[in-house]
Amino acid sequence: MSNQFGNKVKELRVKNNLFQKHLANALNIDTPLYSKIERGERKAKKEQIPILAKILKTSIDELTTVWLADQVLNLVKDQANVEKVLKSISNTIKKK
């Protein structure tokens, strides 16, 4: 599982001198579950992104970008034609 999101959240948590338990409490989850999100063993829910962004003093867009990147990578990582798929997606987005 790709873990750009977990790495980013951990980086920001450390930068803001926060403990995992602070973020876990804000998300209404236990600390071990939050720890799994940082390690990439569990996915954060999209609804949790605004809460994390506020506490970590970053933009929702920044966290959403890495969250979505992880989601896409996890969907296509085992496909033989990943580059072709991503290029197709990019072309479709450019057309809109």
PDB file of N, CA and C in Angstrom:
ATOM      1  N   MET A   1       0.837  -1.176   0.000  1.00  0.00           N
ATOM      2  CA  MET A   1       0.000   0.000   0.000  1.00  0.00           C
ATOM      3  C   MET A   1       0.888   1.248   0.000  1.00  0.00           C
ATOM      4  N   SER A   2       0.592   2.180  -0.897  1.00  0.00           N
ATOM      5  CA  SER A   2       1.339   3.429  -0.948  1.00  0.00           C
ATOM      6  C   SER A   2       1.035   4.254   0.303  1.00  0.00           C
ATOM      7  N   ASN A   3       2.004   5.031   0.741  1.00  0.00           N
ATOM      8  CA  ASN A   3       1.818   5.740   1.999  1.00  0.00           C
ATOM      9  C   ASN A   3       2.284   7.195   1.966  1.00  0.00           C
ATOM     10  N   GLN A   4       2.044   7.869   0.873  1.00  0.00           N
ATOM     11  CA  GLN A   4       2.374   9.294   0.833  1.00  0.00           C
ATOM     12  C   GLN A   4       1.576  10.061   1.884  1.00  0.00           C
ATOM     13  N   PHE A   5       0.312   9.688   2.057  1.00  0.00           N
ATOM     14  CA  PHE A   5      -0.555  10.375   3.008  1.00  0.00           C
ATOM     15  C   PHE A   5      -0.031  10.208   4.432  1.00  0.00           C
ATOM     16  N   GLY A   6       0.223   8.980   4.840  1.00  0.00           N
ATOM     17  CA  GLY A   6       0.718   8.722   6.192  1.00  0.00           C
ATOM     18  C   GLY A   6       2.027   9.432   6.463  1.00  0.00           C
ATOM     19  N   ASN A   7       2.916   9.409   5.485  1.00  0.00           N
ATOM     20  CA  ASN A   7       4.205  10.090   5.649  1.00  0.00           C
ATOM     21  C   ASN A   7       4.020  11.597   5.802  1.00  0.00           C
ATOM     22  N   LYS A   8       3.116  12.160   5.010  1.00  0.00           N
ATOM     23  CA  LYS A   8       2.872  13.606   5.064  1.00  0.00           C
ATOM     24  C   LYS A   8       2.264  13.998   6.400  1.00  0.00           C
ATOM     25  N   VAL A   9       1.284  13.222   6.859  1.00  0.00           N
ATOM     26  CA  VAL A   9       0.630  13.524   8.125  1.00  0.00           C
ATOM     27  C   VAL A   9       1.632  13.420   9.275  1.00  0.00           C
ATOM     28  N   LYS A  10       2.472  12.395   9.236  1.00  0.00           N
ATOM     29  CA  LYS A  10       3.478  12.239  10.286  1.00  0.00           C
ATOM     30  C   LYS A  10       4.451  13.424  10.270  1.00  0.00           C
ATOM     31  N   GLU A  11       4.905  13.791   9.082  1.00  0.00           N
ATOM     32  CA  GLU A  11       5.834  14.926   8.948  1.00  0.00           C
ATOM     33  C   GLU A  11       5.234  16.192   9.562  1.00  0.00           C
ATOM     34  N   LEU A  12       3.970  16.448   9.247  1.00  0.00           N
ATOM     35  CA  LEU A  12       3.308  17.645   9.769  1.00  0.00           C
ATOM     36  C   LEU A  12       3.045  17.541  11.274  1.00  0.00           C
ATOM     37  N   ARG A  13       2.722  16.356  11.747  1.00  0.00           N
ATOM     38  CA  ARG A  13       2.483  16.151  13.178  1.00  0.00           C
ATOM     39  C   ARG A  13       3.748  16.446  13.966  1.00  0.00           C
ATOM     40  N   VAL A  14       4.869  15.912  13.489  1.00  0.00           N
ATOM     41  CA  VAL A  14       6.155  16.142  14.161  1.00  0.00           C
ATOM     42  C   VAL A  14       6.521  17.626  14.108  1.00  0.00           C
ATOM     43  N   LYS A  15       6.329  18.238  12.952  1.00  0.00           N
ATOM     44  CA  LYS A  15       6.632  19.666  12.778  1.00  0.00           C
ATOM     45  C   LYS A  15       5.833  20.523  13.760  1.00  0.00           C
ATOM     46  N   ASN A  16       4.603  20.095  14.046  1.00  0.00           N
ATOM     47  CA  ASN A  16       3.729  20.838  14.956  1.00  0.00           C
ATOM     48  C   ASN A  16       3.833  20.375  16.405  1.00  0.00           C
ATOM     49  N   ASN A  17       4.815  19.511  16.680  1.00  0.00           N
ATOM     50  CA  ASN A  17       5.049  19.018  18.038  1.00  0.00           C
ATOM     51  C   ASN A  17       3.803  18.400  18.672  1.00  0.00           C
ATOM     52  N   LEU A  18       3.118  17.577  17.901  1.00  0.00           N
ATOM     53  CA  LEU A  18       1.921  16.898  18.393  1.00  0.00           C
ATOM     54  C   LEU A  18       2.202  15.411  18.565  1.00  0.00           C
ATOM     55  N   PHE A  19       1.463  14.806  19.460  1.00  0.00           N
ATOM     56  CA  PHE A  19       1.548  13.365  19.650  1.00  0.00           C
ATOM     57  C   PHE A  19       0.438  12.681  18.857  1.00  0.00           C
ATOM     58  N   GLN A  20       0.659  11.416  18.543  1.00  0.00           N
ATOM     59  CA  GLN A  20      -0.361  10.660  17.820  1.00  0.00           C
ATOM     60  C   GLN A  20      -1.691  10.674  18.558  1.00  0.00           C
ATOM     61  N   LYS A  21      -1.649  10.627  19.886  1.00  0.00           N
ATOM     62  CA  LYS A  21      -2.893  10.578  20.656  1.00  0.00           C
ATOM     63  C   LYS A  21      -3.728  11.844  20.456  1.00  0.00           C
ATOM     64  N   HIS A  22      -3.082  12.998  20.190  1.00  0.00           N
ATOM     65  CA  HIS A  22      -3.833  14.231  19.943  1.00  0.00           C
ATOM     66  C   HIS A  22      -4.658  14.113  18.664  1.00  0.00           C
ATOM     67  N   LEU A  23      -4.035  13.592  17.623  1.00  0.00           N
ATOM     68  CA  LEU A  23      -4.754  13.449  16.363  1.00  0.00           C
ATOM     69  C   LEU A  23      -5.795  12.344  16.443  1.00  0.00           C
ATOM     70  N   ALA A  24      -5.456  11.258  17.119  1.00  0.00           N
ATOM     71  CA  ALA A  24      -6.409  10.162  17.295  1.00  0.00           C
ATOM     72  C   ALA A  24      -7.662  10.664  18.003  1.00  0.00           C
ATOM     73  N   ASN A  25      -7.480  11.446  19.066  1.00  0.00           N
ATOM     74  CA  ASN A  25      -8.628  11.994  19.802  1.00  0.00           C
ATOM     75  C   ASN A  25      -9.480  12.884  18.910  1.00  0.00           C
ATOM     76  N   ALA A  26      -8.849  13.714  18.093  1.00  0.00           N
ATOM     77  CA  ALA A  26      -9.590  14.606  17.196  1.00  0.00           C
ATOM     78  C   ALA A  26     -10.400  13.831  16.166  1.00  0.00           C
ATOM     79  N   LEU A  27      -9.884  12.653  15.782  1.00  0.00           N
ATOM     80  CA  LEU A  27     -10.567  11.819  14.786  1.00  0.00           C
ATOM     81  C   LEU A  27     -11.534  10.817  15.427  1.00  0.00           C
ATOM     82  N   ASN A  28     -11.601  10.813  16.753  1.00  0.00           N
ATOM     83  CA  ASN A  28     -12.435   9.861  17.494  1.00  0.00           C
ATOM     84  C   ASN A  28     -12.078   8.412  17.202  1.00  0.00           C
ATOM     85  N   ILE A  29     -10.765   8.160  17.124  1.00  0.00           N
ATOM     86  CA  ILE A  29     -10.266   6.793  16.965  1.00  0.00           C
ATOM     87  C   ILE A  29      -9.197   6.562  18.031  1.00  0.00           C
ATOM     88  N   ASP A  30      -8.825   5.303  18.228  1.00  0.00           N
ATOM     89  CA  ASP A  30      -7.780   5.060  19.218  1.00  0.00           C
ATOM     90  C   ASP A  30      -6.397   5.289  18.603  1.00  0.00           C
ATOM     91  N   THR A  31      -5.422   5.466  19.478  1.00  0.00           N
ATOM     92  CA  THR A  31      -4.066   5.780  19.028  1.00  0.00           C
ATOM     93  C   THR A  31      -3.462   4.670  18.161  1.00  0.00           C
ATOM     94  N   PRO A  32      -3.640   3.380  18.498  1.00  0.00           N
ATOM     95  CA  PRO A  32      -3.083   2.345  17.619  1.00  0.00           C
ATOM     96  C   PRO A  32      -3.643   2.393  16.187  1.00  0.00           C
ATOM     97  N   LEU A  33      -4.920   2.713  16.047  1.00  0.00           N
ATOM     98  CA  LEU A  33      -5.497   2.831  14.711  1.00  0.00           C
ATOM     99  C   LEU A  33      -4.898   4.034  13.976  1.00  0.00           C
ATOM    100  N   TYR A  34      -4.747   5.141  14.687  1.00  0.00           N
ATOM    101  CA  TYR A  34      -4.122   6.303  14.064  1.00  0.00           C
ATOM    102  C   TYR A  34      -2.688   5.985  13.624  1.00  0.00           C
ATOM    103  N   SER A  35      -1.974   5.266  14.461  1.00  0.00           N
ATOM    104  CA  SER A  35      -0.602   4.878  14.139  1.00  0.00           C
ATOM    105  C   SER A  35      -0.554   4.065  12.846  1.00  0.00           C
ATOM    106  N   LYS A  36      -1.539   3.207  12.659  1.00  0.00           N
ATOM    107  CA  LYS A  36      -1.608   2.407  11.425  1.00  0.00           C
ATOM    108  C   LYS A  36      -1.821   3.296  10.200  1.00  0.00           C
ATOM    109  N   ILE A  37      -2.540   4.381  10.360  1.00  0.00           N
ATOM    110  CA  ILE A  37      -2.730   5.315   9.242  1.00  0.00           C
ATOM    111  C   ILE A  37      -1.387   5.931   8.860  1.00  0.00           C
ATOM    112  N   GLU A  38      -0.620   6.357   9.853  1.00  0.00           N
ATOM    113  CA  GLU A  38       0.697   6.939   9.559  1.00  0.00           C
ATOM    114  C   GLU A  38       1.631   5.924   8.908  1.00  0.00           C
ATOM    115  N   ARG A  39       1.535   4.671   9.310  1.00  0.00           N
ATOM    116  CA  ARG A  39       2.412   3.633   8.755  1.00  0.00           C
ATOM    117  C   ARG A  39       1.907   3.080   7.421  1.00  0.00           C
ATOM    118  N   GLY A  40       0.719   3.472   7.010  1.00  0.00           N
ATOM    119  CA  GLY A  40       0.162   3.001   5.747  1.00  0.00           C
ATOM    120  C   GLY A  40      -0.505   1.651   5.837  1.00  0.00           C
ATOM    121  N   GLU A  41      -0.766   1.187   7.036  1.00  0.00           N
ATOM    122  CA  GLU A  41      -1.425  -0.102   7.218  1.00  0.00           C
ATOM    123  C   GLU A  41      -2.950   0.020   7.164  1.00  0.00           C
ATOM    124  N   ARG A  42      -3.441   1.239   7.337  1.00  0.00           N
ATOM    125  CA  ARG A  42      -4.876   1.533   7.236  1.00  0.00           C
ATOM    126  C   ARG A  42      -5.035   2.815   6.445  1.00  0.00           C
ATOM    127  N   LYS A  43      -6.145   2.936   5.743  1.00  0.00           N
ATOM    128  CA  LYS A  43      -6.415   4.156   4.996  1.00  0.00           C
ATOM    129  C   LYS A  43      -7.213   5.114   5.861  1.00  0.00           C
ATOM    130  N   ALA A  44      -6.858   6.373   5.785  1.00  0.00           N
ATOM    131  CA  ALA A  44      -7.675   7.399   6.431  1.00  0.00           C
ATOM    132  C   ALA A  44      -8.945   7.563   5.609  1.00  0.00           C
ATOM    133  N   LYS A  45     -10.015   7.947   6.265  1.00  0.00           N
ATOM    134  CA  LYS A  45     -11.262   8.227   5.564  1.00  0.00           C
ATOM    135  C   LYS A  45     -11.199   9.651   5.016  1.00  0.00           C
ATOM    136  N   LYS A  46     -11.819   9.845   3.873  1.00  0.00           N
ATOM    137  CA  LYS A  46     -11.800  11.164   3.248  1.00  0.00           C
ATOM    138  C   LYS A  46     -12.382  12.228   4.177  1.00  0.00           C
ATOM    139  N   GLU A  47     -13.372  11.853   4.989  1.00  0.00           N
ATOM    140  CA  GLU A  47     -13.997  12.799   5.909  1.00  0.00           C
ATOM    141  C   GLU A  47     -13.031  13.268   6.996  1.00  0.00           C
ATOM    142  N   GLN A  48     -11.966  12.521   7.206  1.00  0.00           N
ATOM    143  CA  GLN A  48     -10.998  12.871   8.243  1.00  0.00           C
ATOM    144  C   GLN A  48      -9.995  13.936   7.773  1.00  0.00           C
ATOM    145  N   ILE A  49      -9.902  14.134   6.482  1.00  0.00           N
ATOM    146  CA  ILE A  49      -8.907  15.061   5.932  1.00  0.00           C
ATOM    147  C   ILE A  49      -9.087  16.496   6.440  1.00  0.00           C
ATOM    148  N   PRO A  50     -10.300  17.067   6.417  1.00  0.00           N
ATOM    149  CA  PRO A  50     -10.433  18.447   6.927  1.00  0.00           C
ATOM    150  C   PRO A  50     -10.043  18.594   8.399  1.00  0.00           C
ATOM    151  N   ILE A  51     -10.343  17.587   9.194  1.00  0.00           N
ATOM    152  CA  ILE A  51      -9.985  17.623  10.615  1.00  0.00           C
ATOM    153  C   ILE A  51      -8.466  17.643  10.761  1.00  0.00           C
ATOM    154  N   LEU A  52      -7.802  16.748  10.026  1.00  0.00           N
ATOM    155  CA  LEU A  52      -6.342  16.681  10.085  1.00  0.00           C
ATOM    156  C   LEU A  52      -5.713  17.968   9.563  1.00  0.00           C
ATOM    157  N   ALA A  53      -6.247  18.497   8.476  1.00  0.00           N
ATOM    158  CA  ALA A  53      -5.693  19.726   7.893  1.00  0.00           C
ATOM    159  C   ALA A  53      -5.738  20.872   8.890  1.00  0.00           C
ATOM    160  N   LYS A  54      -6.849  20.998   9.596  1.00  0.00           N
ATOM    161  CA  LYS A  54      -6.987  22.085  10.568  1.00  0.00           C
ATOM    162  C   LYS A  54      -5.977  21.936  11.709  1.00  0.00           C
ATOM    163  N   ILE A  55      -5.885  20.741  12.262  1.00  0.00           N
ATOM    164  CA  ILE A  55      -4.981  20.511  13.391  1.00  0.00           C
ATOM    165  C   ILE A  55      -3.520  20.641  12.977  1.00  0.00           C
ATOM    166  N   LEU A  56      -3.217  20.177  11.765  1.00  0.00           N
ATOM    167  CA  LEU A  56      -1.838  20.174  11.291  1.00  0.00           C
ATOM    168  C   LEU A  56      -1.447  21.473  10.583  1.00  0.00           C
ATOM    169  N   LYS A  57      -2.384  22.414  10.534  1.00  0.00           N
ATOM    170  CA  LYS A  57      -2.125  23.742   9.955  1.00  0.00           C
ATOM    171  C   LYS A  57      -1.637  23.651   8.512  1.00  0.00           C
ATOM    172  N   THR A  58      -2.402  22.911   7.726  1.00  0.00           N
ATOM    173  CA  THR A  58      -2.099  22.776   6.305  1.00  0.00           C
ATOM    174  C   THR A  58      -3.411  22.859   5.537  1.00  0.00           C
ATOM    175  N   SER A  59      -3.318  22.846   4.226  1.00  0.00           N
ATOM    176  CA  SER A  59      -4.538  22.963   3.424  1.00  0.00           C
ATOM    177  C   SER A  59      -5.197  21.593   3.228  1.00  0.00           C
ATOM    178  N   ILE A  60      -6.500  21.642   3.101  1.00  0.00           N
ATOM    179  CA  ILE A  60      -7.247  20.431   2.790  1.00  0.00           C
ATOM    180  C   ILE A  60      -6.782  19.899   1.439  1.00  0.00           C
ATOM    181  N   ASP A  61      -6.517  20.810   0.503  1.00  0.00           N
ATOM    182  CA  ASP A  61      -6.075  20.419  -0.838  1.00  0.00           C
ATOM    183  C   ASP A  61      -4.776  19.621  -0.798  1.00  0.00           C
ATOM    184  N   GLU A  62      -3.830  20.052   0.026  1.00  0.00           N
ATOM    185  CA  GLU A  62      -2.544  19.349   0.111  1.00  0.00           C
ATOM    186  C   GLU A  62      -2.742  17.912   0.597  1.00  0.00           C
ATOM    187  N   LEU A  63      -3.520  17.743   1.653  1.00  0.00           N
ATOM    188  CA  LEU A  63      -3.742  16.392   2.174  1.00  0.00           C
ATOM    189  C   LEU A  63      -4.600  15.558   1.232  1.00  0.00           C
ATOM    190  N   THR A  64      -5.593  16.186   0.609  1.00  0.00           N
ATOM    191  CA  THR A  64      -6.441  15.459  -0.335  1.00  0.00           C
ATOM    192  C   THR A  64      -5.627  14.962  -1.524  1.00  0.00           C
ATOM    193  N   THR A  65      -4.689  15.769  -1.978  1.00  0.00           N
ATOM    194  CA  THR A  65      -3.853  15.386  -3.125  1.00  0.00           C
ATOM    195  C   THR A  65      -3.063  14.117  -2.834  1.00  0.00           C
ATOM    196  N   VAL A  66      -2.393  14.063  -1.690  1.00  0.00           N
ATOM    197  CA  VAL A  66      -1.597  12.860  -1.388  1.00  0.00           C
ATOM    198  C   VAL A  66      -2.503  11.676  -1.044  1.00  0.00           C
ATOM    199  N   TRP A  67      -3.664  11.938  -0.447  1.00  0.00           N
ATOM    200  CA  TRP A  67      -4.625  10.871  -0.146  1.00  0.00           C
ATOM    201  C   TRP A  67      -5.122  10.230  -1.439  1.00  0.00           C
ATOM    202  N   LEU A  68      -5.513  11.071  -2.402  1.00  0.00           N
ATOM    203  CA  LEU A  68      -5.985  10.562  -3.691  1.00  0.00           C
ATOM    204  C   LEU A  68      -4.874   9.857  -4.468  1.00  0.00           C
ATOM    205  N   ALA A  69      -3.667  10.399  -4.411  1.00  0.00           N
ATOM    206  CA  ALA A  69      -2.538   9.762  -5.096  1.00  0.00           C
ATOM    207  C   ALA A  69      -2.331   8.344  -4.570  1.00  0.00           C
ATOM    208  N   ASP A  70      -2.427   8.184  -3.258  1.00  0.00           N
ATOM    209  CA  ASP A  70      -2.314   6.837  -2.683  1.00  0.00           C
ATOM    210  C   ASP A  70      -3.428   5.928  -3.180  1.00  0.00           C
ATOM    211  N   GLN A  71      -4.658   6.462  -3.242  1.00  0.00           N
ATOM    212  CA  GLN A  71      -5.799   5.653  -3.682  1.00  0.00           C
ATOM    213  C   GLN A  71      -5.596   5.173  -5.124  1.00  0.00           C
ATOM    214  N   VAL A  72      -5.195   6.087  -5.985  1.00  0.00           N
ATOM    215  CA  VAL A  72      -4.992   5.748  -7.402  1.00  0.00           C
ATOM    216  C   VAL A  72      -3.862   4.743  -7.550  1.00  0.00           C
ATOM    217  N   LEU A  73      -2.744   5.002  -6.884  1.00  0.00           N
ATOM    218  CA  LEU A  73      -1.607   4.092  -6.988  1.00  0.00           C
ATOM    219  C   LEU A  73      -1.974   2.689  -6.512  1.00  0.00           C
ATOM    220  N   ASN A  74      -2.715   2.598  -5.433  1.00  0.00           N
ATOM    221  CA  ASN A  74      -3.107   1.285  -4.929  1.00  0.00           C
ATOM    222  C   ASN A  74      -4.027   0.551  -5.893  1.00  0.00           C
ATOM    223  N   LEU A  75      -4.797   1.288  -6.687  1.00  0.00           N
ATOM    224  CA  LEU A  75      -5.674   0.656  -7.674  1.00  0.00           C
ATOM    225  C   LEU A  75      -4.917   0.124  -8.889  1.00  0.00           C
ATOM    226  N   VAL A  76      -3.879   0.836  -9.310  1.00  0.00           N
ATOM    227  CA  VAL A  76      -3.235   0.489 -10.580  1.00  0.00           C
ATOM    228  C   VAL A  76      -1.850  -0.125 -10.448  1.00  0.00           C
ATOM    229  N   LYS A  77      -1.299  -0.181  -9.246  1.00  0.00           N
ATOM    230  CA  LYS A  77       0.105  -0.557  -9.077  1.00  0.00           C
ATOM    231  C   LYS A  77       0.469  -1.935  -9.639  1.00  0.00           C
ATOM    232  N   ASP A  78      -0.453  -2.864  -9.651  1.00  0.00           N
ATOM    233  CA  ASP A  78      -0.152  -4.218 -10.121  1.00  0.00           C
ATOM    234  C   ASP A  78      -0.488  -4.435 -11.590  1.00  0.00           C
ATOM    235  N   GLN A  79      -0.919  -3.403 -12.263  1.00  0.00           N
ATOM    236  CA  GLN A  79      -1.278  -3.512 -13.667  1.00  0.00           C
ATOM    237  C   GLN A  79      -0.039  -3.371 -14.553  1.00  0.00           C
ATOM    238  N   ALA A  80       0.004  -4.138 -15.599  1.00  0.00           N
ATOM    239  CA  ALA A  80       1.156  -4.103 -16.499  1.00  0.00           C
ATOM    240  C   ALA A  80       1.234  -2.783 -17.266  1.00  0.00           C
ATOM    241  N   ASN A  81       0.105  -2.159 -17.491  1.00  0.00           N
ATOM    242  CA  ASN A  81       0.058  -0.946 -18.320  1.00  0.00           C
ATOM    243  C   ASN A  81      -0.224   0.313 -17.499  1.00  0.00           C
ATOM    244  N   VAL A  82       0.389   0.432 -16.336  1.00  0.00           N
ATOM    245  CA  VAL A  82       0.134   1.551 -15.422  1.00  0.00           C
ATOM    246  C   VAL A  82       0.370   2.897 -16.102  1.00  0.00           C
ATOM    247  N   GLU A  83       1.485   3.040 -16.779  1.00  0.00           N
ATOM    248  CA  GLU A  83       1.795   4.327 -17.408  1.00  0.00           C
ATOM    249  C   GLU A  83       0.733   4.703 -18.438  1.00  0.00           C
ATOM    250  N   LYS A  84       0.266   3.721 -19.190  1.00  0.00           N
ATOM    251  CA  LYS A  84      -0.763   3.963 -20.197  1.00  0.00           C
ATOM    252  C   LYS A  84      -2.072   4.402 -19.519  1.00  0.00           C
ATOM    253  N   VAL A  85      -2.419   3.755 -18.432  1.00  0.00           N
ATOM    254  CA  VAL A  85      -3.637   4.098 -17.694  1.00  0.00           C
ATOM    255  C   VAL A  85      -3.543   5.522 -17.160  1.00  0.00           C
ATOM    256  N   LEU A  86      -2.427   5.848 -16.526  1.00  0.00           N
ATOM    257  CA  LEU A  86      -2.258   7.184 -15.955  1.00  0.00           C
ATOM    258  C   LEU A  86      -2.229   8.257 -17.042  1.00  0.00           C
ATOM    259  N   LYS A  87      -1.638   7.952 -18.167  1.00  0.00           N
ATOM    260  CA  LYS A  87      -1.612   8.900 -19.284  1.00  0.00           C
ATOM    261  C   LYS A  87      -3.028   9.135 -19.803  1.00  0.00           C
ATOM    262  N   SER A  88      -3.806   8.071 -19.882  1.00  0.00           N
ATOM    263  CA  SER A  88      -5.194   8.189 -20.328  1.00  0.00           C
ATOM    264  C   SER A  88      -5.997   9.061 -19.375  1.00  0.00           C
ATOM    265  N   ILE A  89      -5.799   8.847 -18.076  1.00  0.00           N
ATOM    266  CA  ILE A  89      -6.482   9.659 -17.066  1.00  0.00           C
ATOM    267  C   ILE A  89      -6.058  11.115 -17.209  1.00  0.00           C
ATOM    268  N   SER A  90      -4.783  11.346 -17.348  1.00  0.00           N
ATOM    269  CA  SER A  90      -4.269  12.720 -17.490  1.00  0.00           C
ATOM    270  C   SER A  90      -4.865  13.405 -18.709  1.00  0.00           C
ATOM    271  N   ASN A  91      -4.929  12.691 -19.821  1.00  0.00           N
ATOM    272  CA  ASN A  91      -5.491  13.265 -21.048  1.00  0.00           C
ATOM    273  C   ASN A  91      -6.964  13.594 -20.877  1.00  0.00           C
ATOM    274  N   THR A  92      -7.684  12.715 -20.200  1.00  0.00           N
ATOM    275  CA  THR A  92      -9.120  12.950 -19.956  1.00  0.00           C
ATOM    276  C   THR A  92      -9.313  14.186 -19.092  1.00  0.00           C
ATOM    277  N   ILE A  93      -8.491  14.337 -18.077  1.00  0.00           N
ATOM    278  CA  ILE A  93      -8.603  15.491 -17.184  1.00  0.00           C
ATOM    279  C   ILE A  93      -8.285  16.776 -17.938  1.00  0.00           C
ATOM    280  N   LYS A  94      -7.268  16.745 -18.793  1.00  0.00           N
ATOM    281  CA  LYS A  94      -6.888  17.947 -19.548  1.00  0.00           C
ATOM    282  C   LYS A  94      -8.012  18.401 -20.470  1.00  0.00           C
ATOM    283  N   LYS A  95      -8.787  17.447 -20.983  1.00  0.00           N
ATOM    284  CA  LYS A  95      -9.888  17.783 -21.896  1.00  0.00           C
ATOM    285  C   LYS A  95     -11.044  18.483 -21.183  1.00  0.00           C
ATOM    286  N   LYS A  96     -11.151  18.272 -19.888  1.00  0.00           N
ATOM    287  CA  LYS A  96     -12.287  18.858 -19.148  1.00  0.00           C
ATOM    288  C   LYS A  96     -11.999  20.221 -18.707  1.00  0.00           C
TER     289      LYS A  96
END
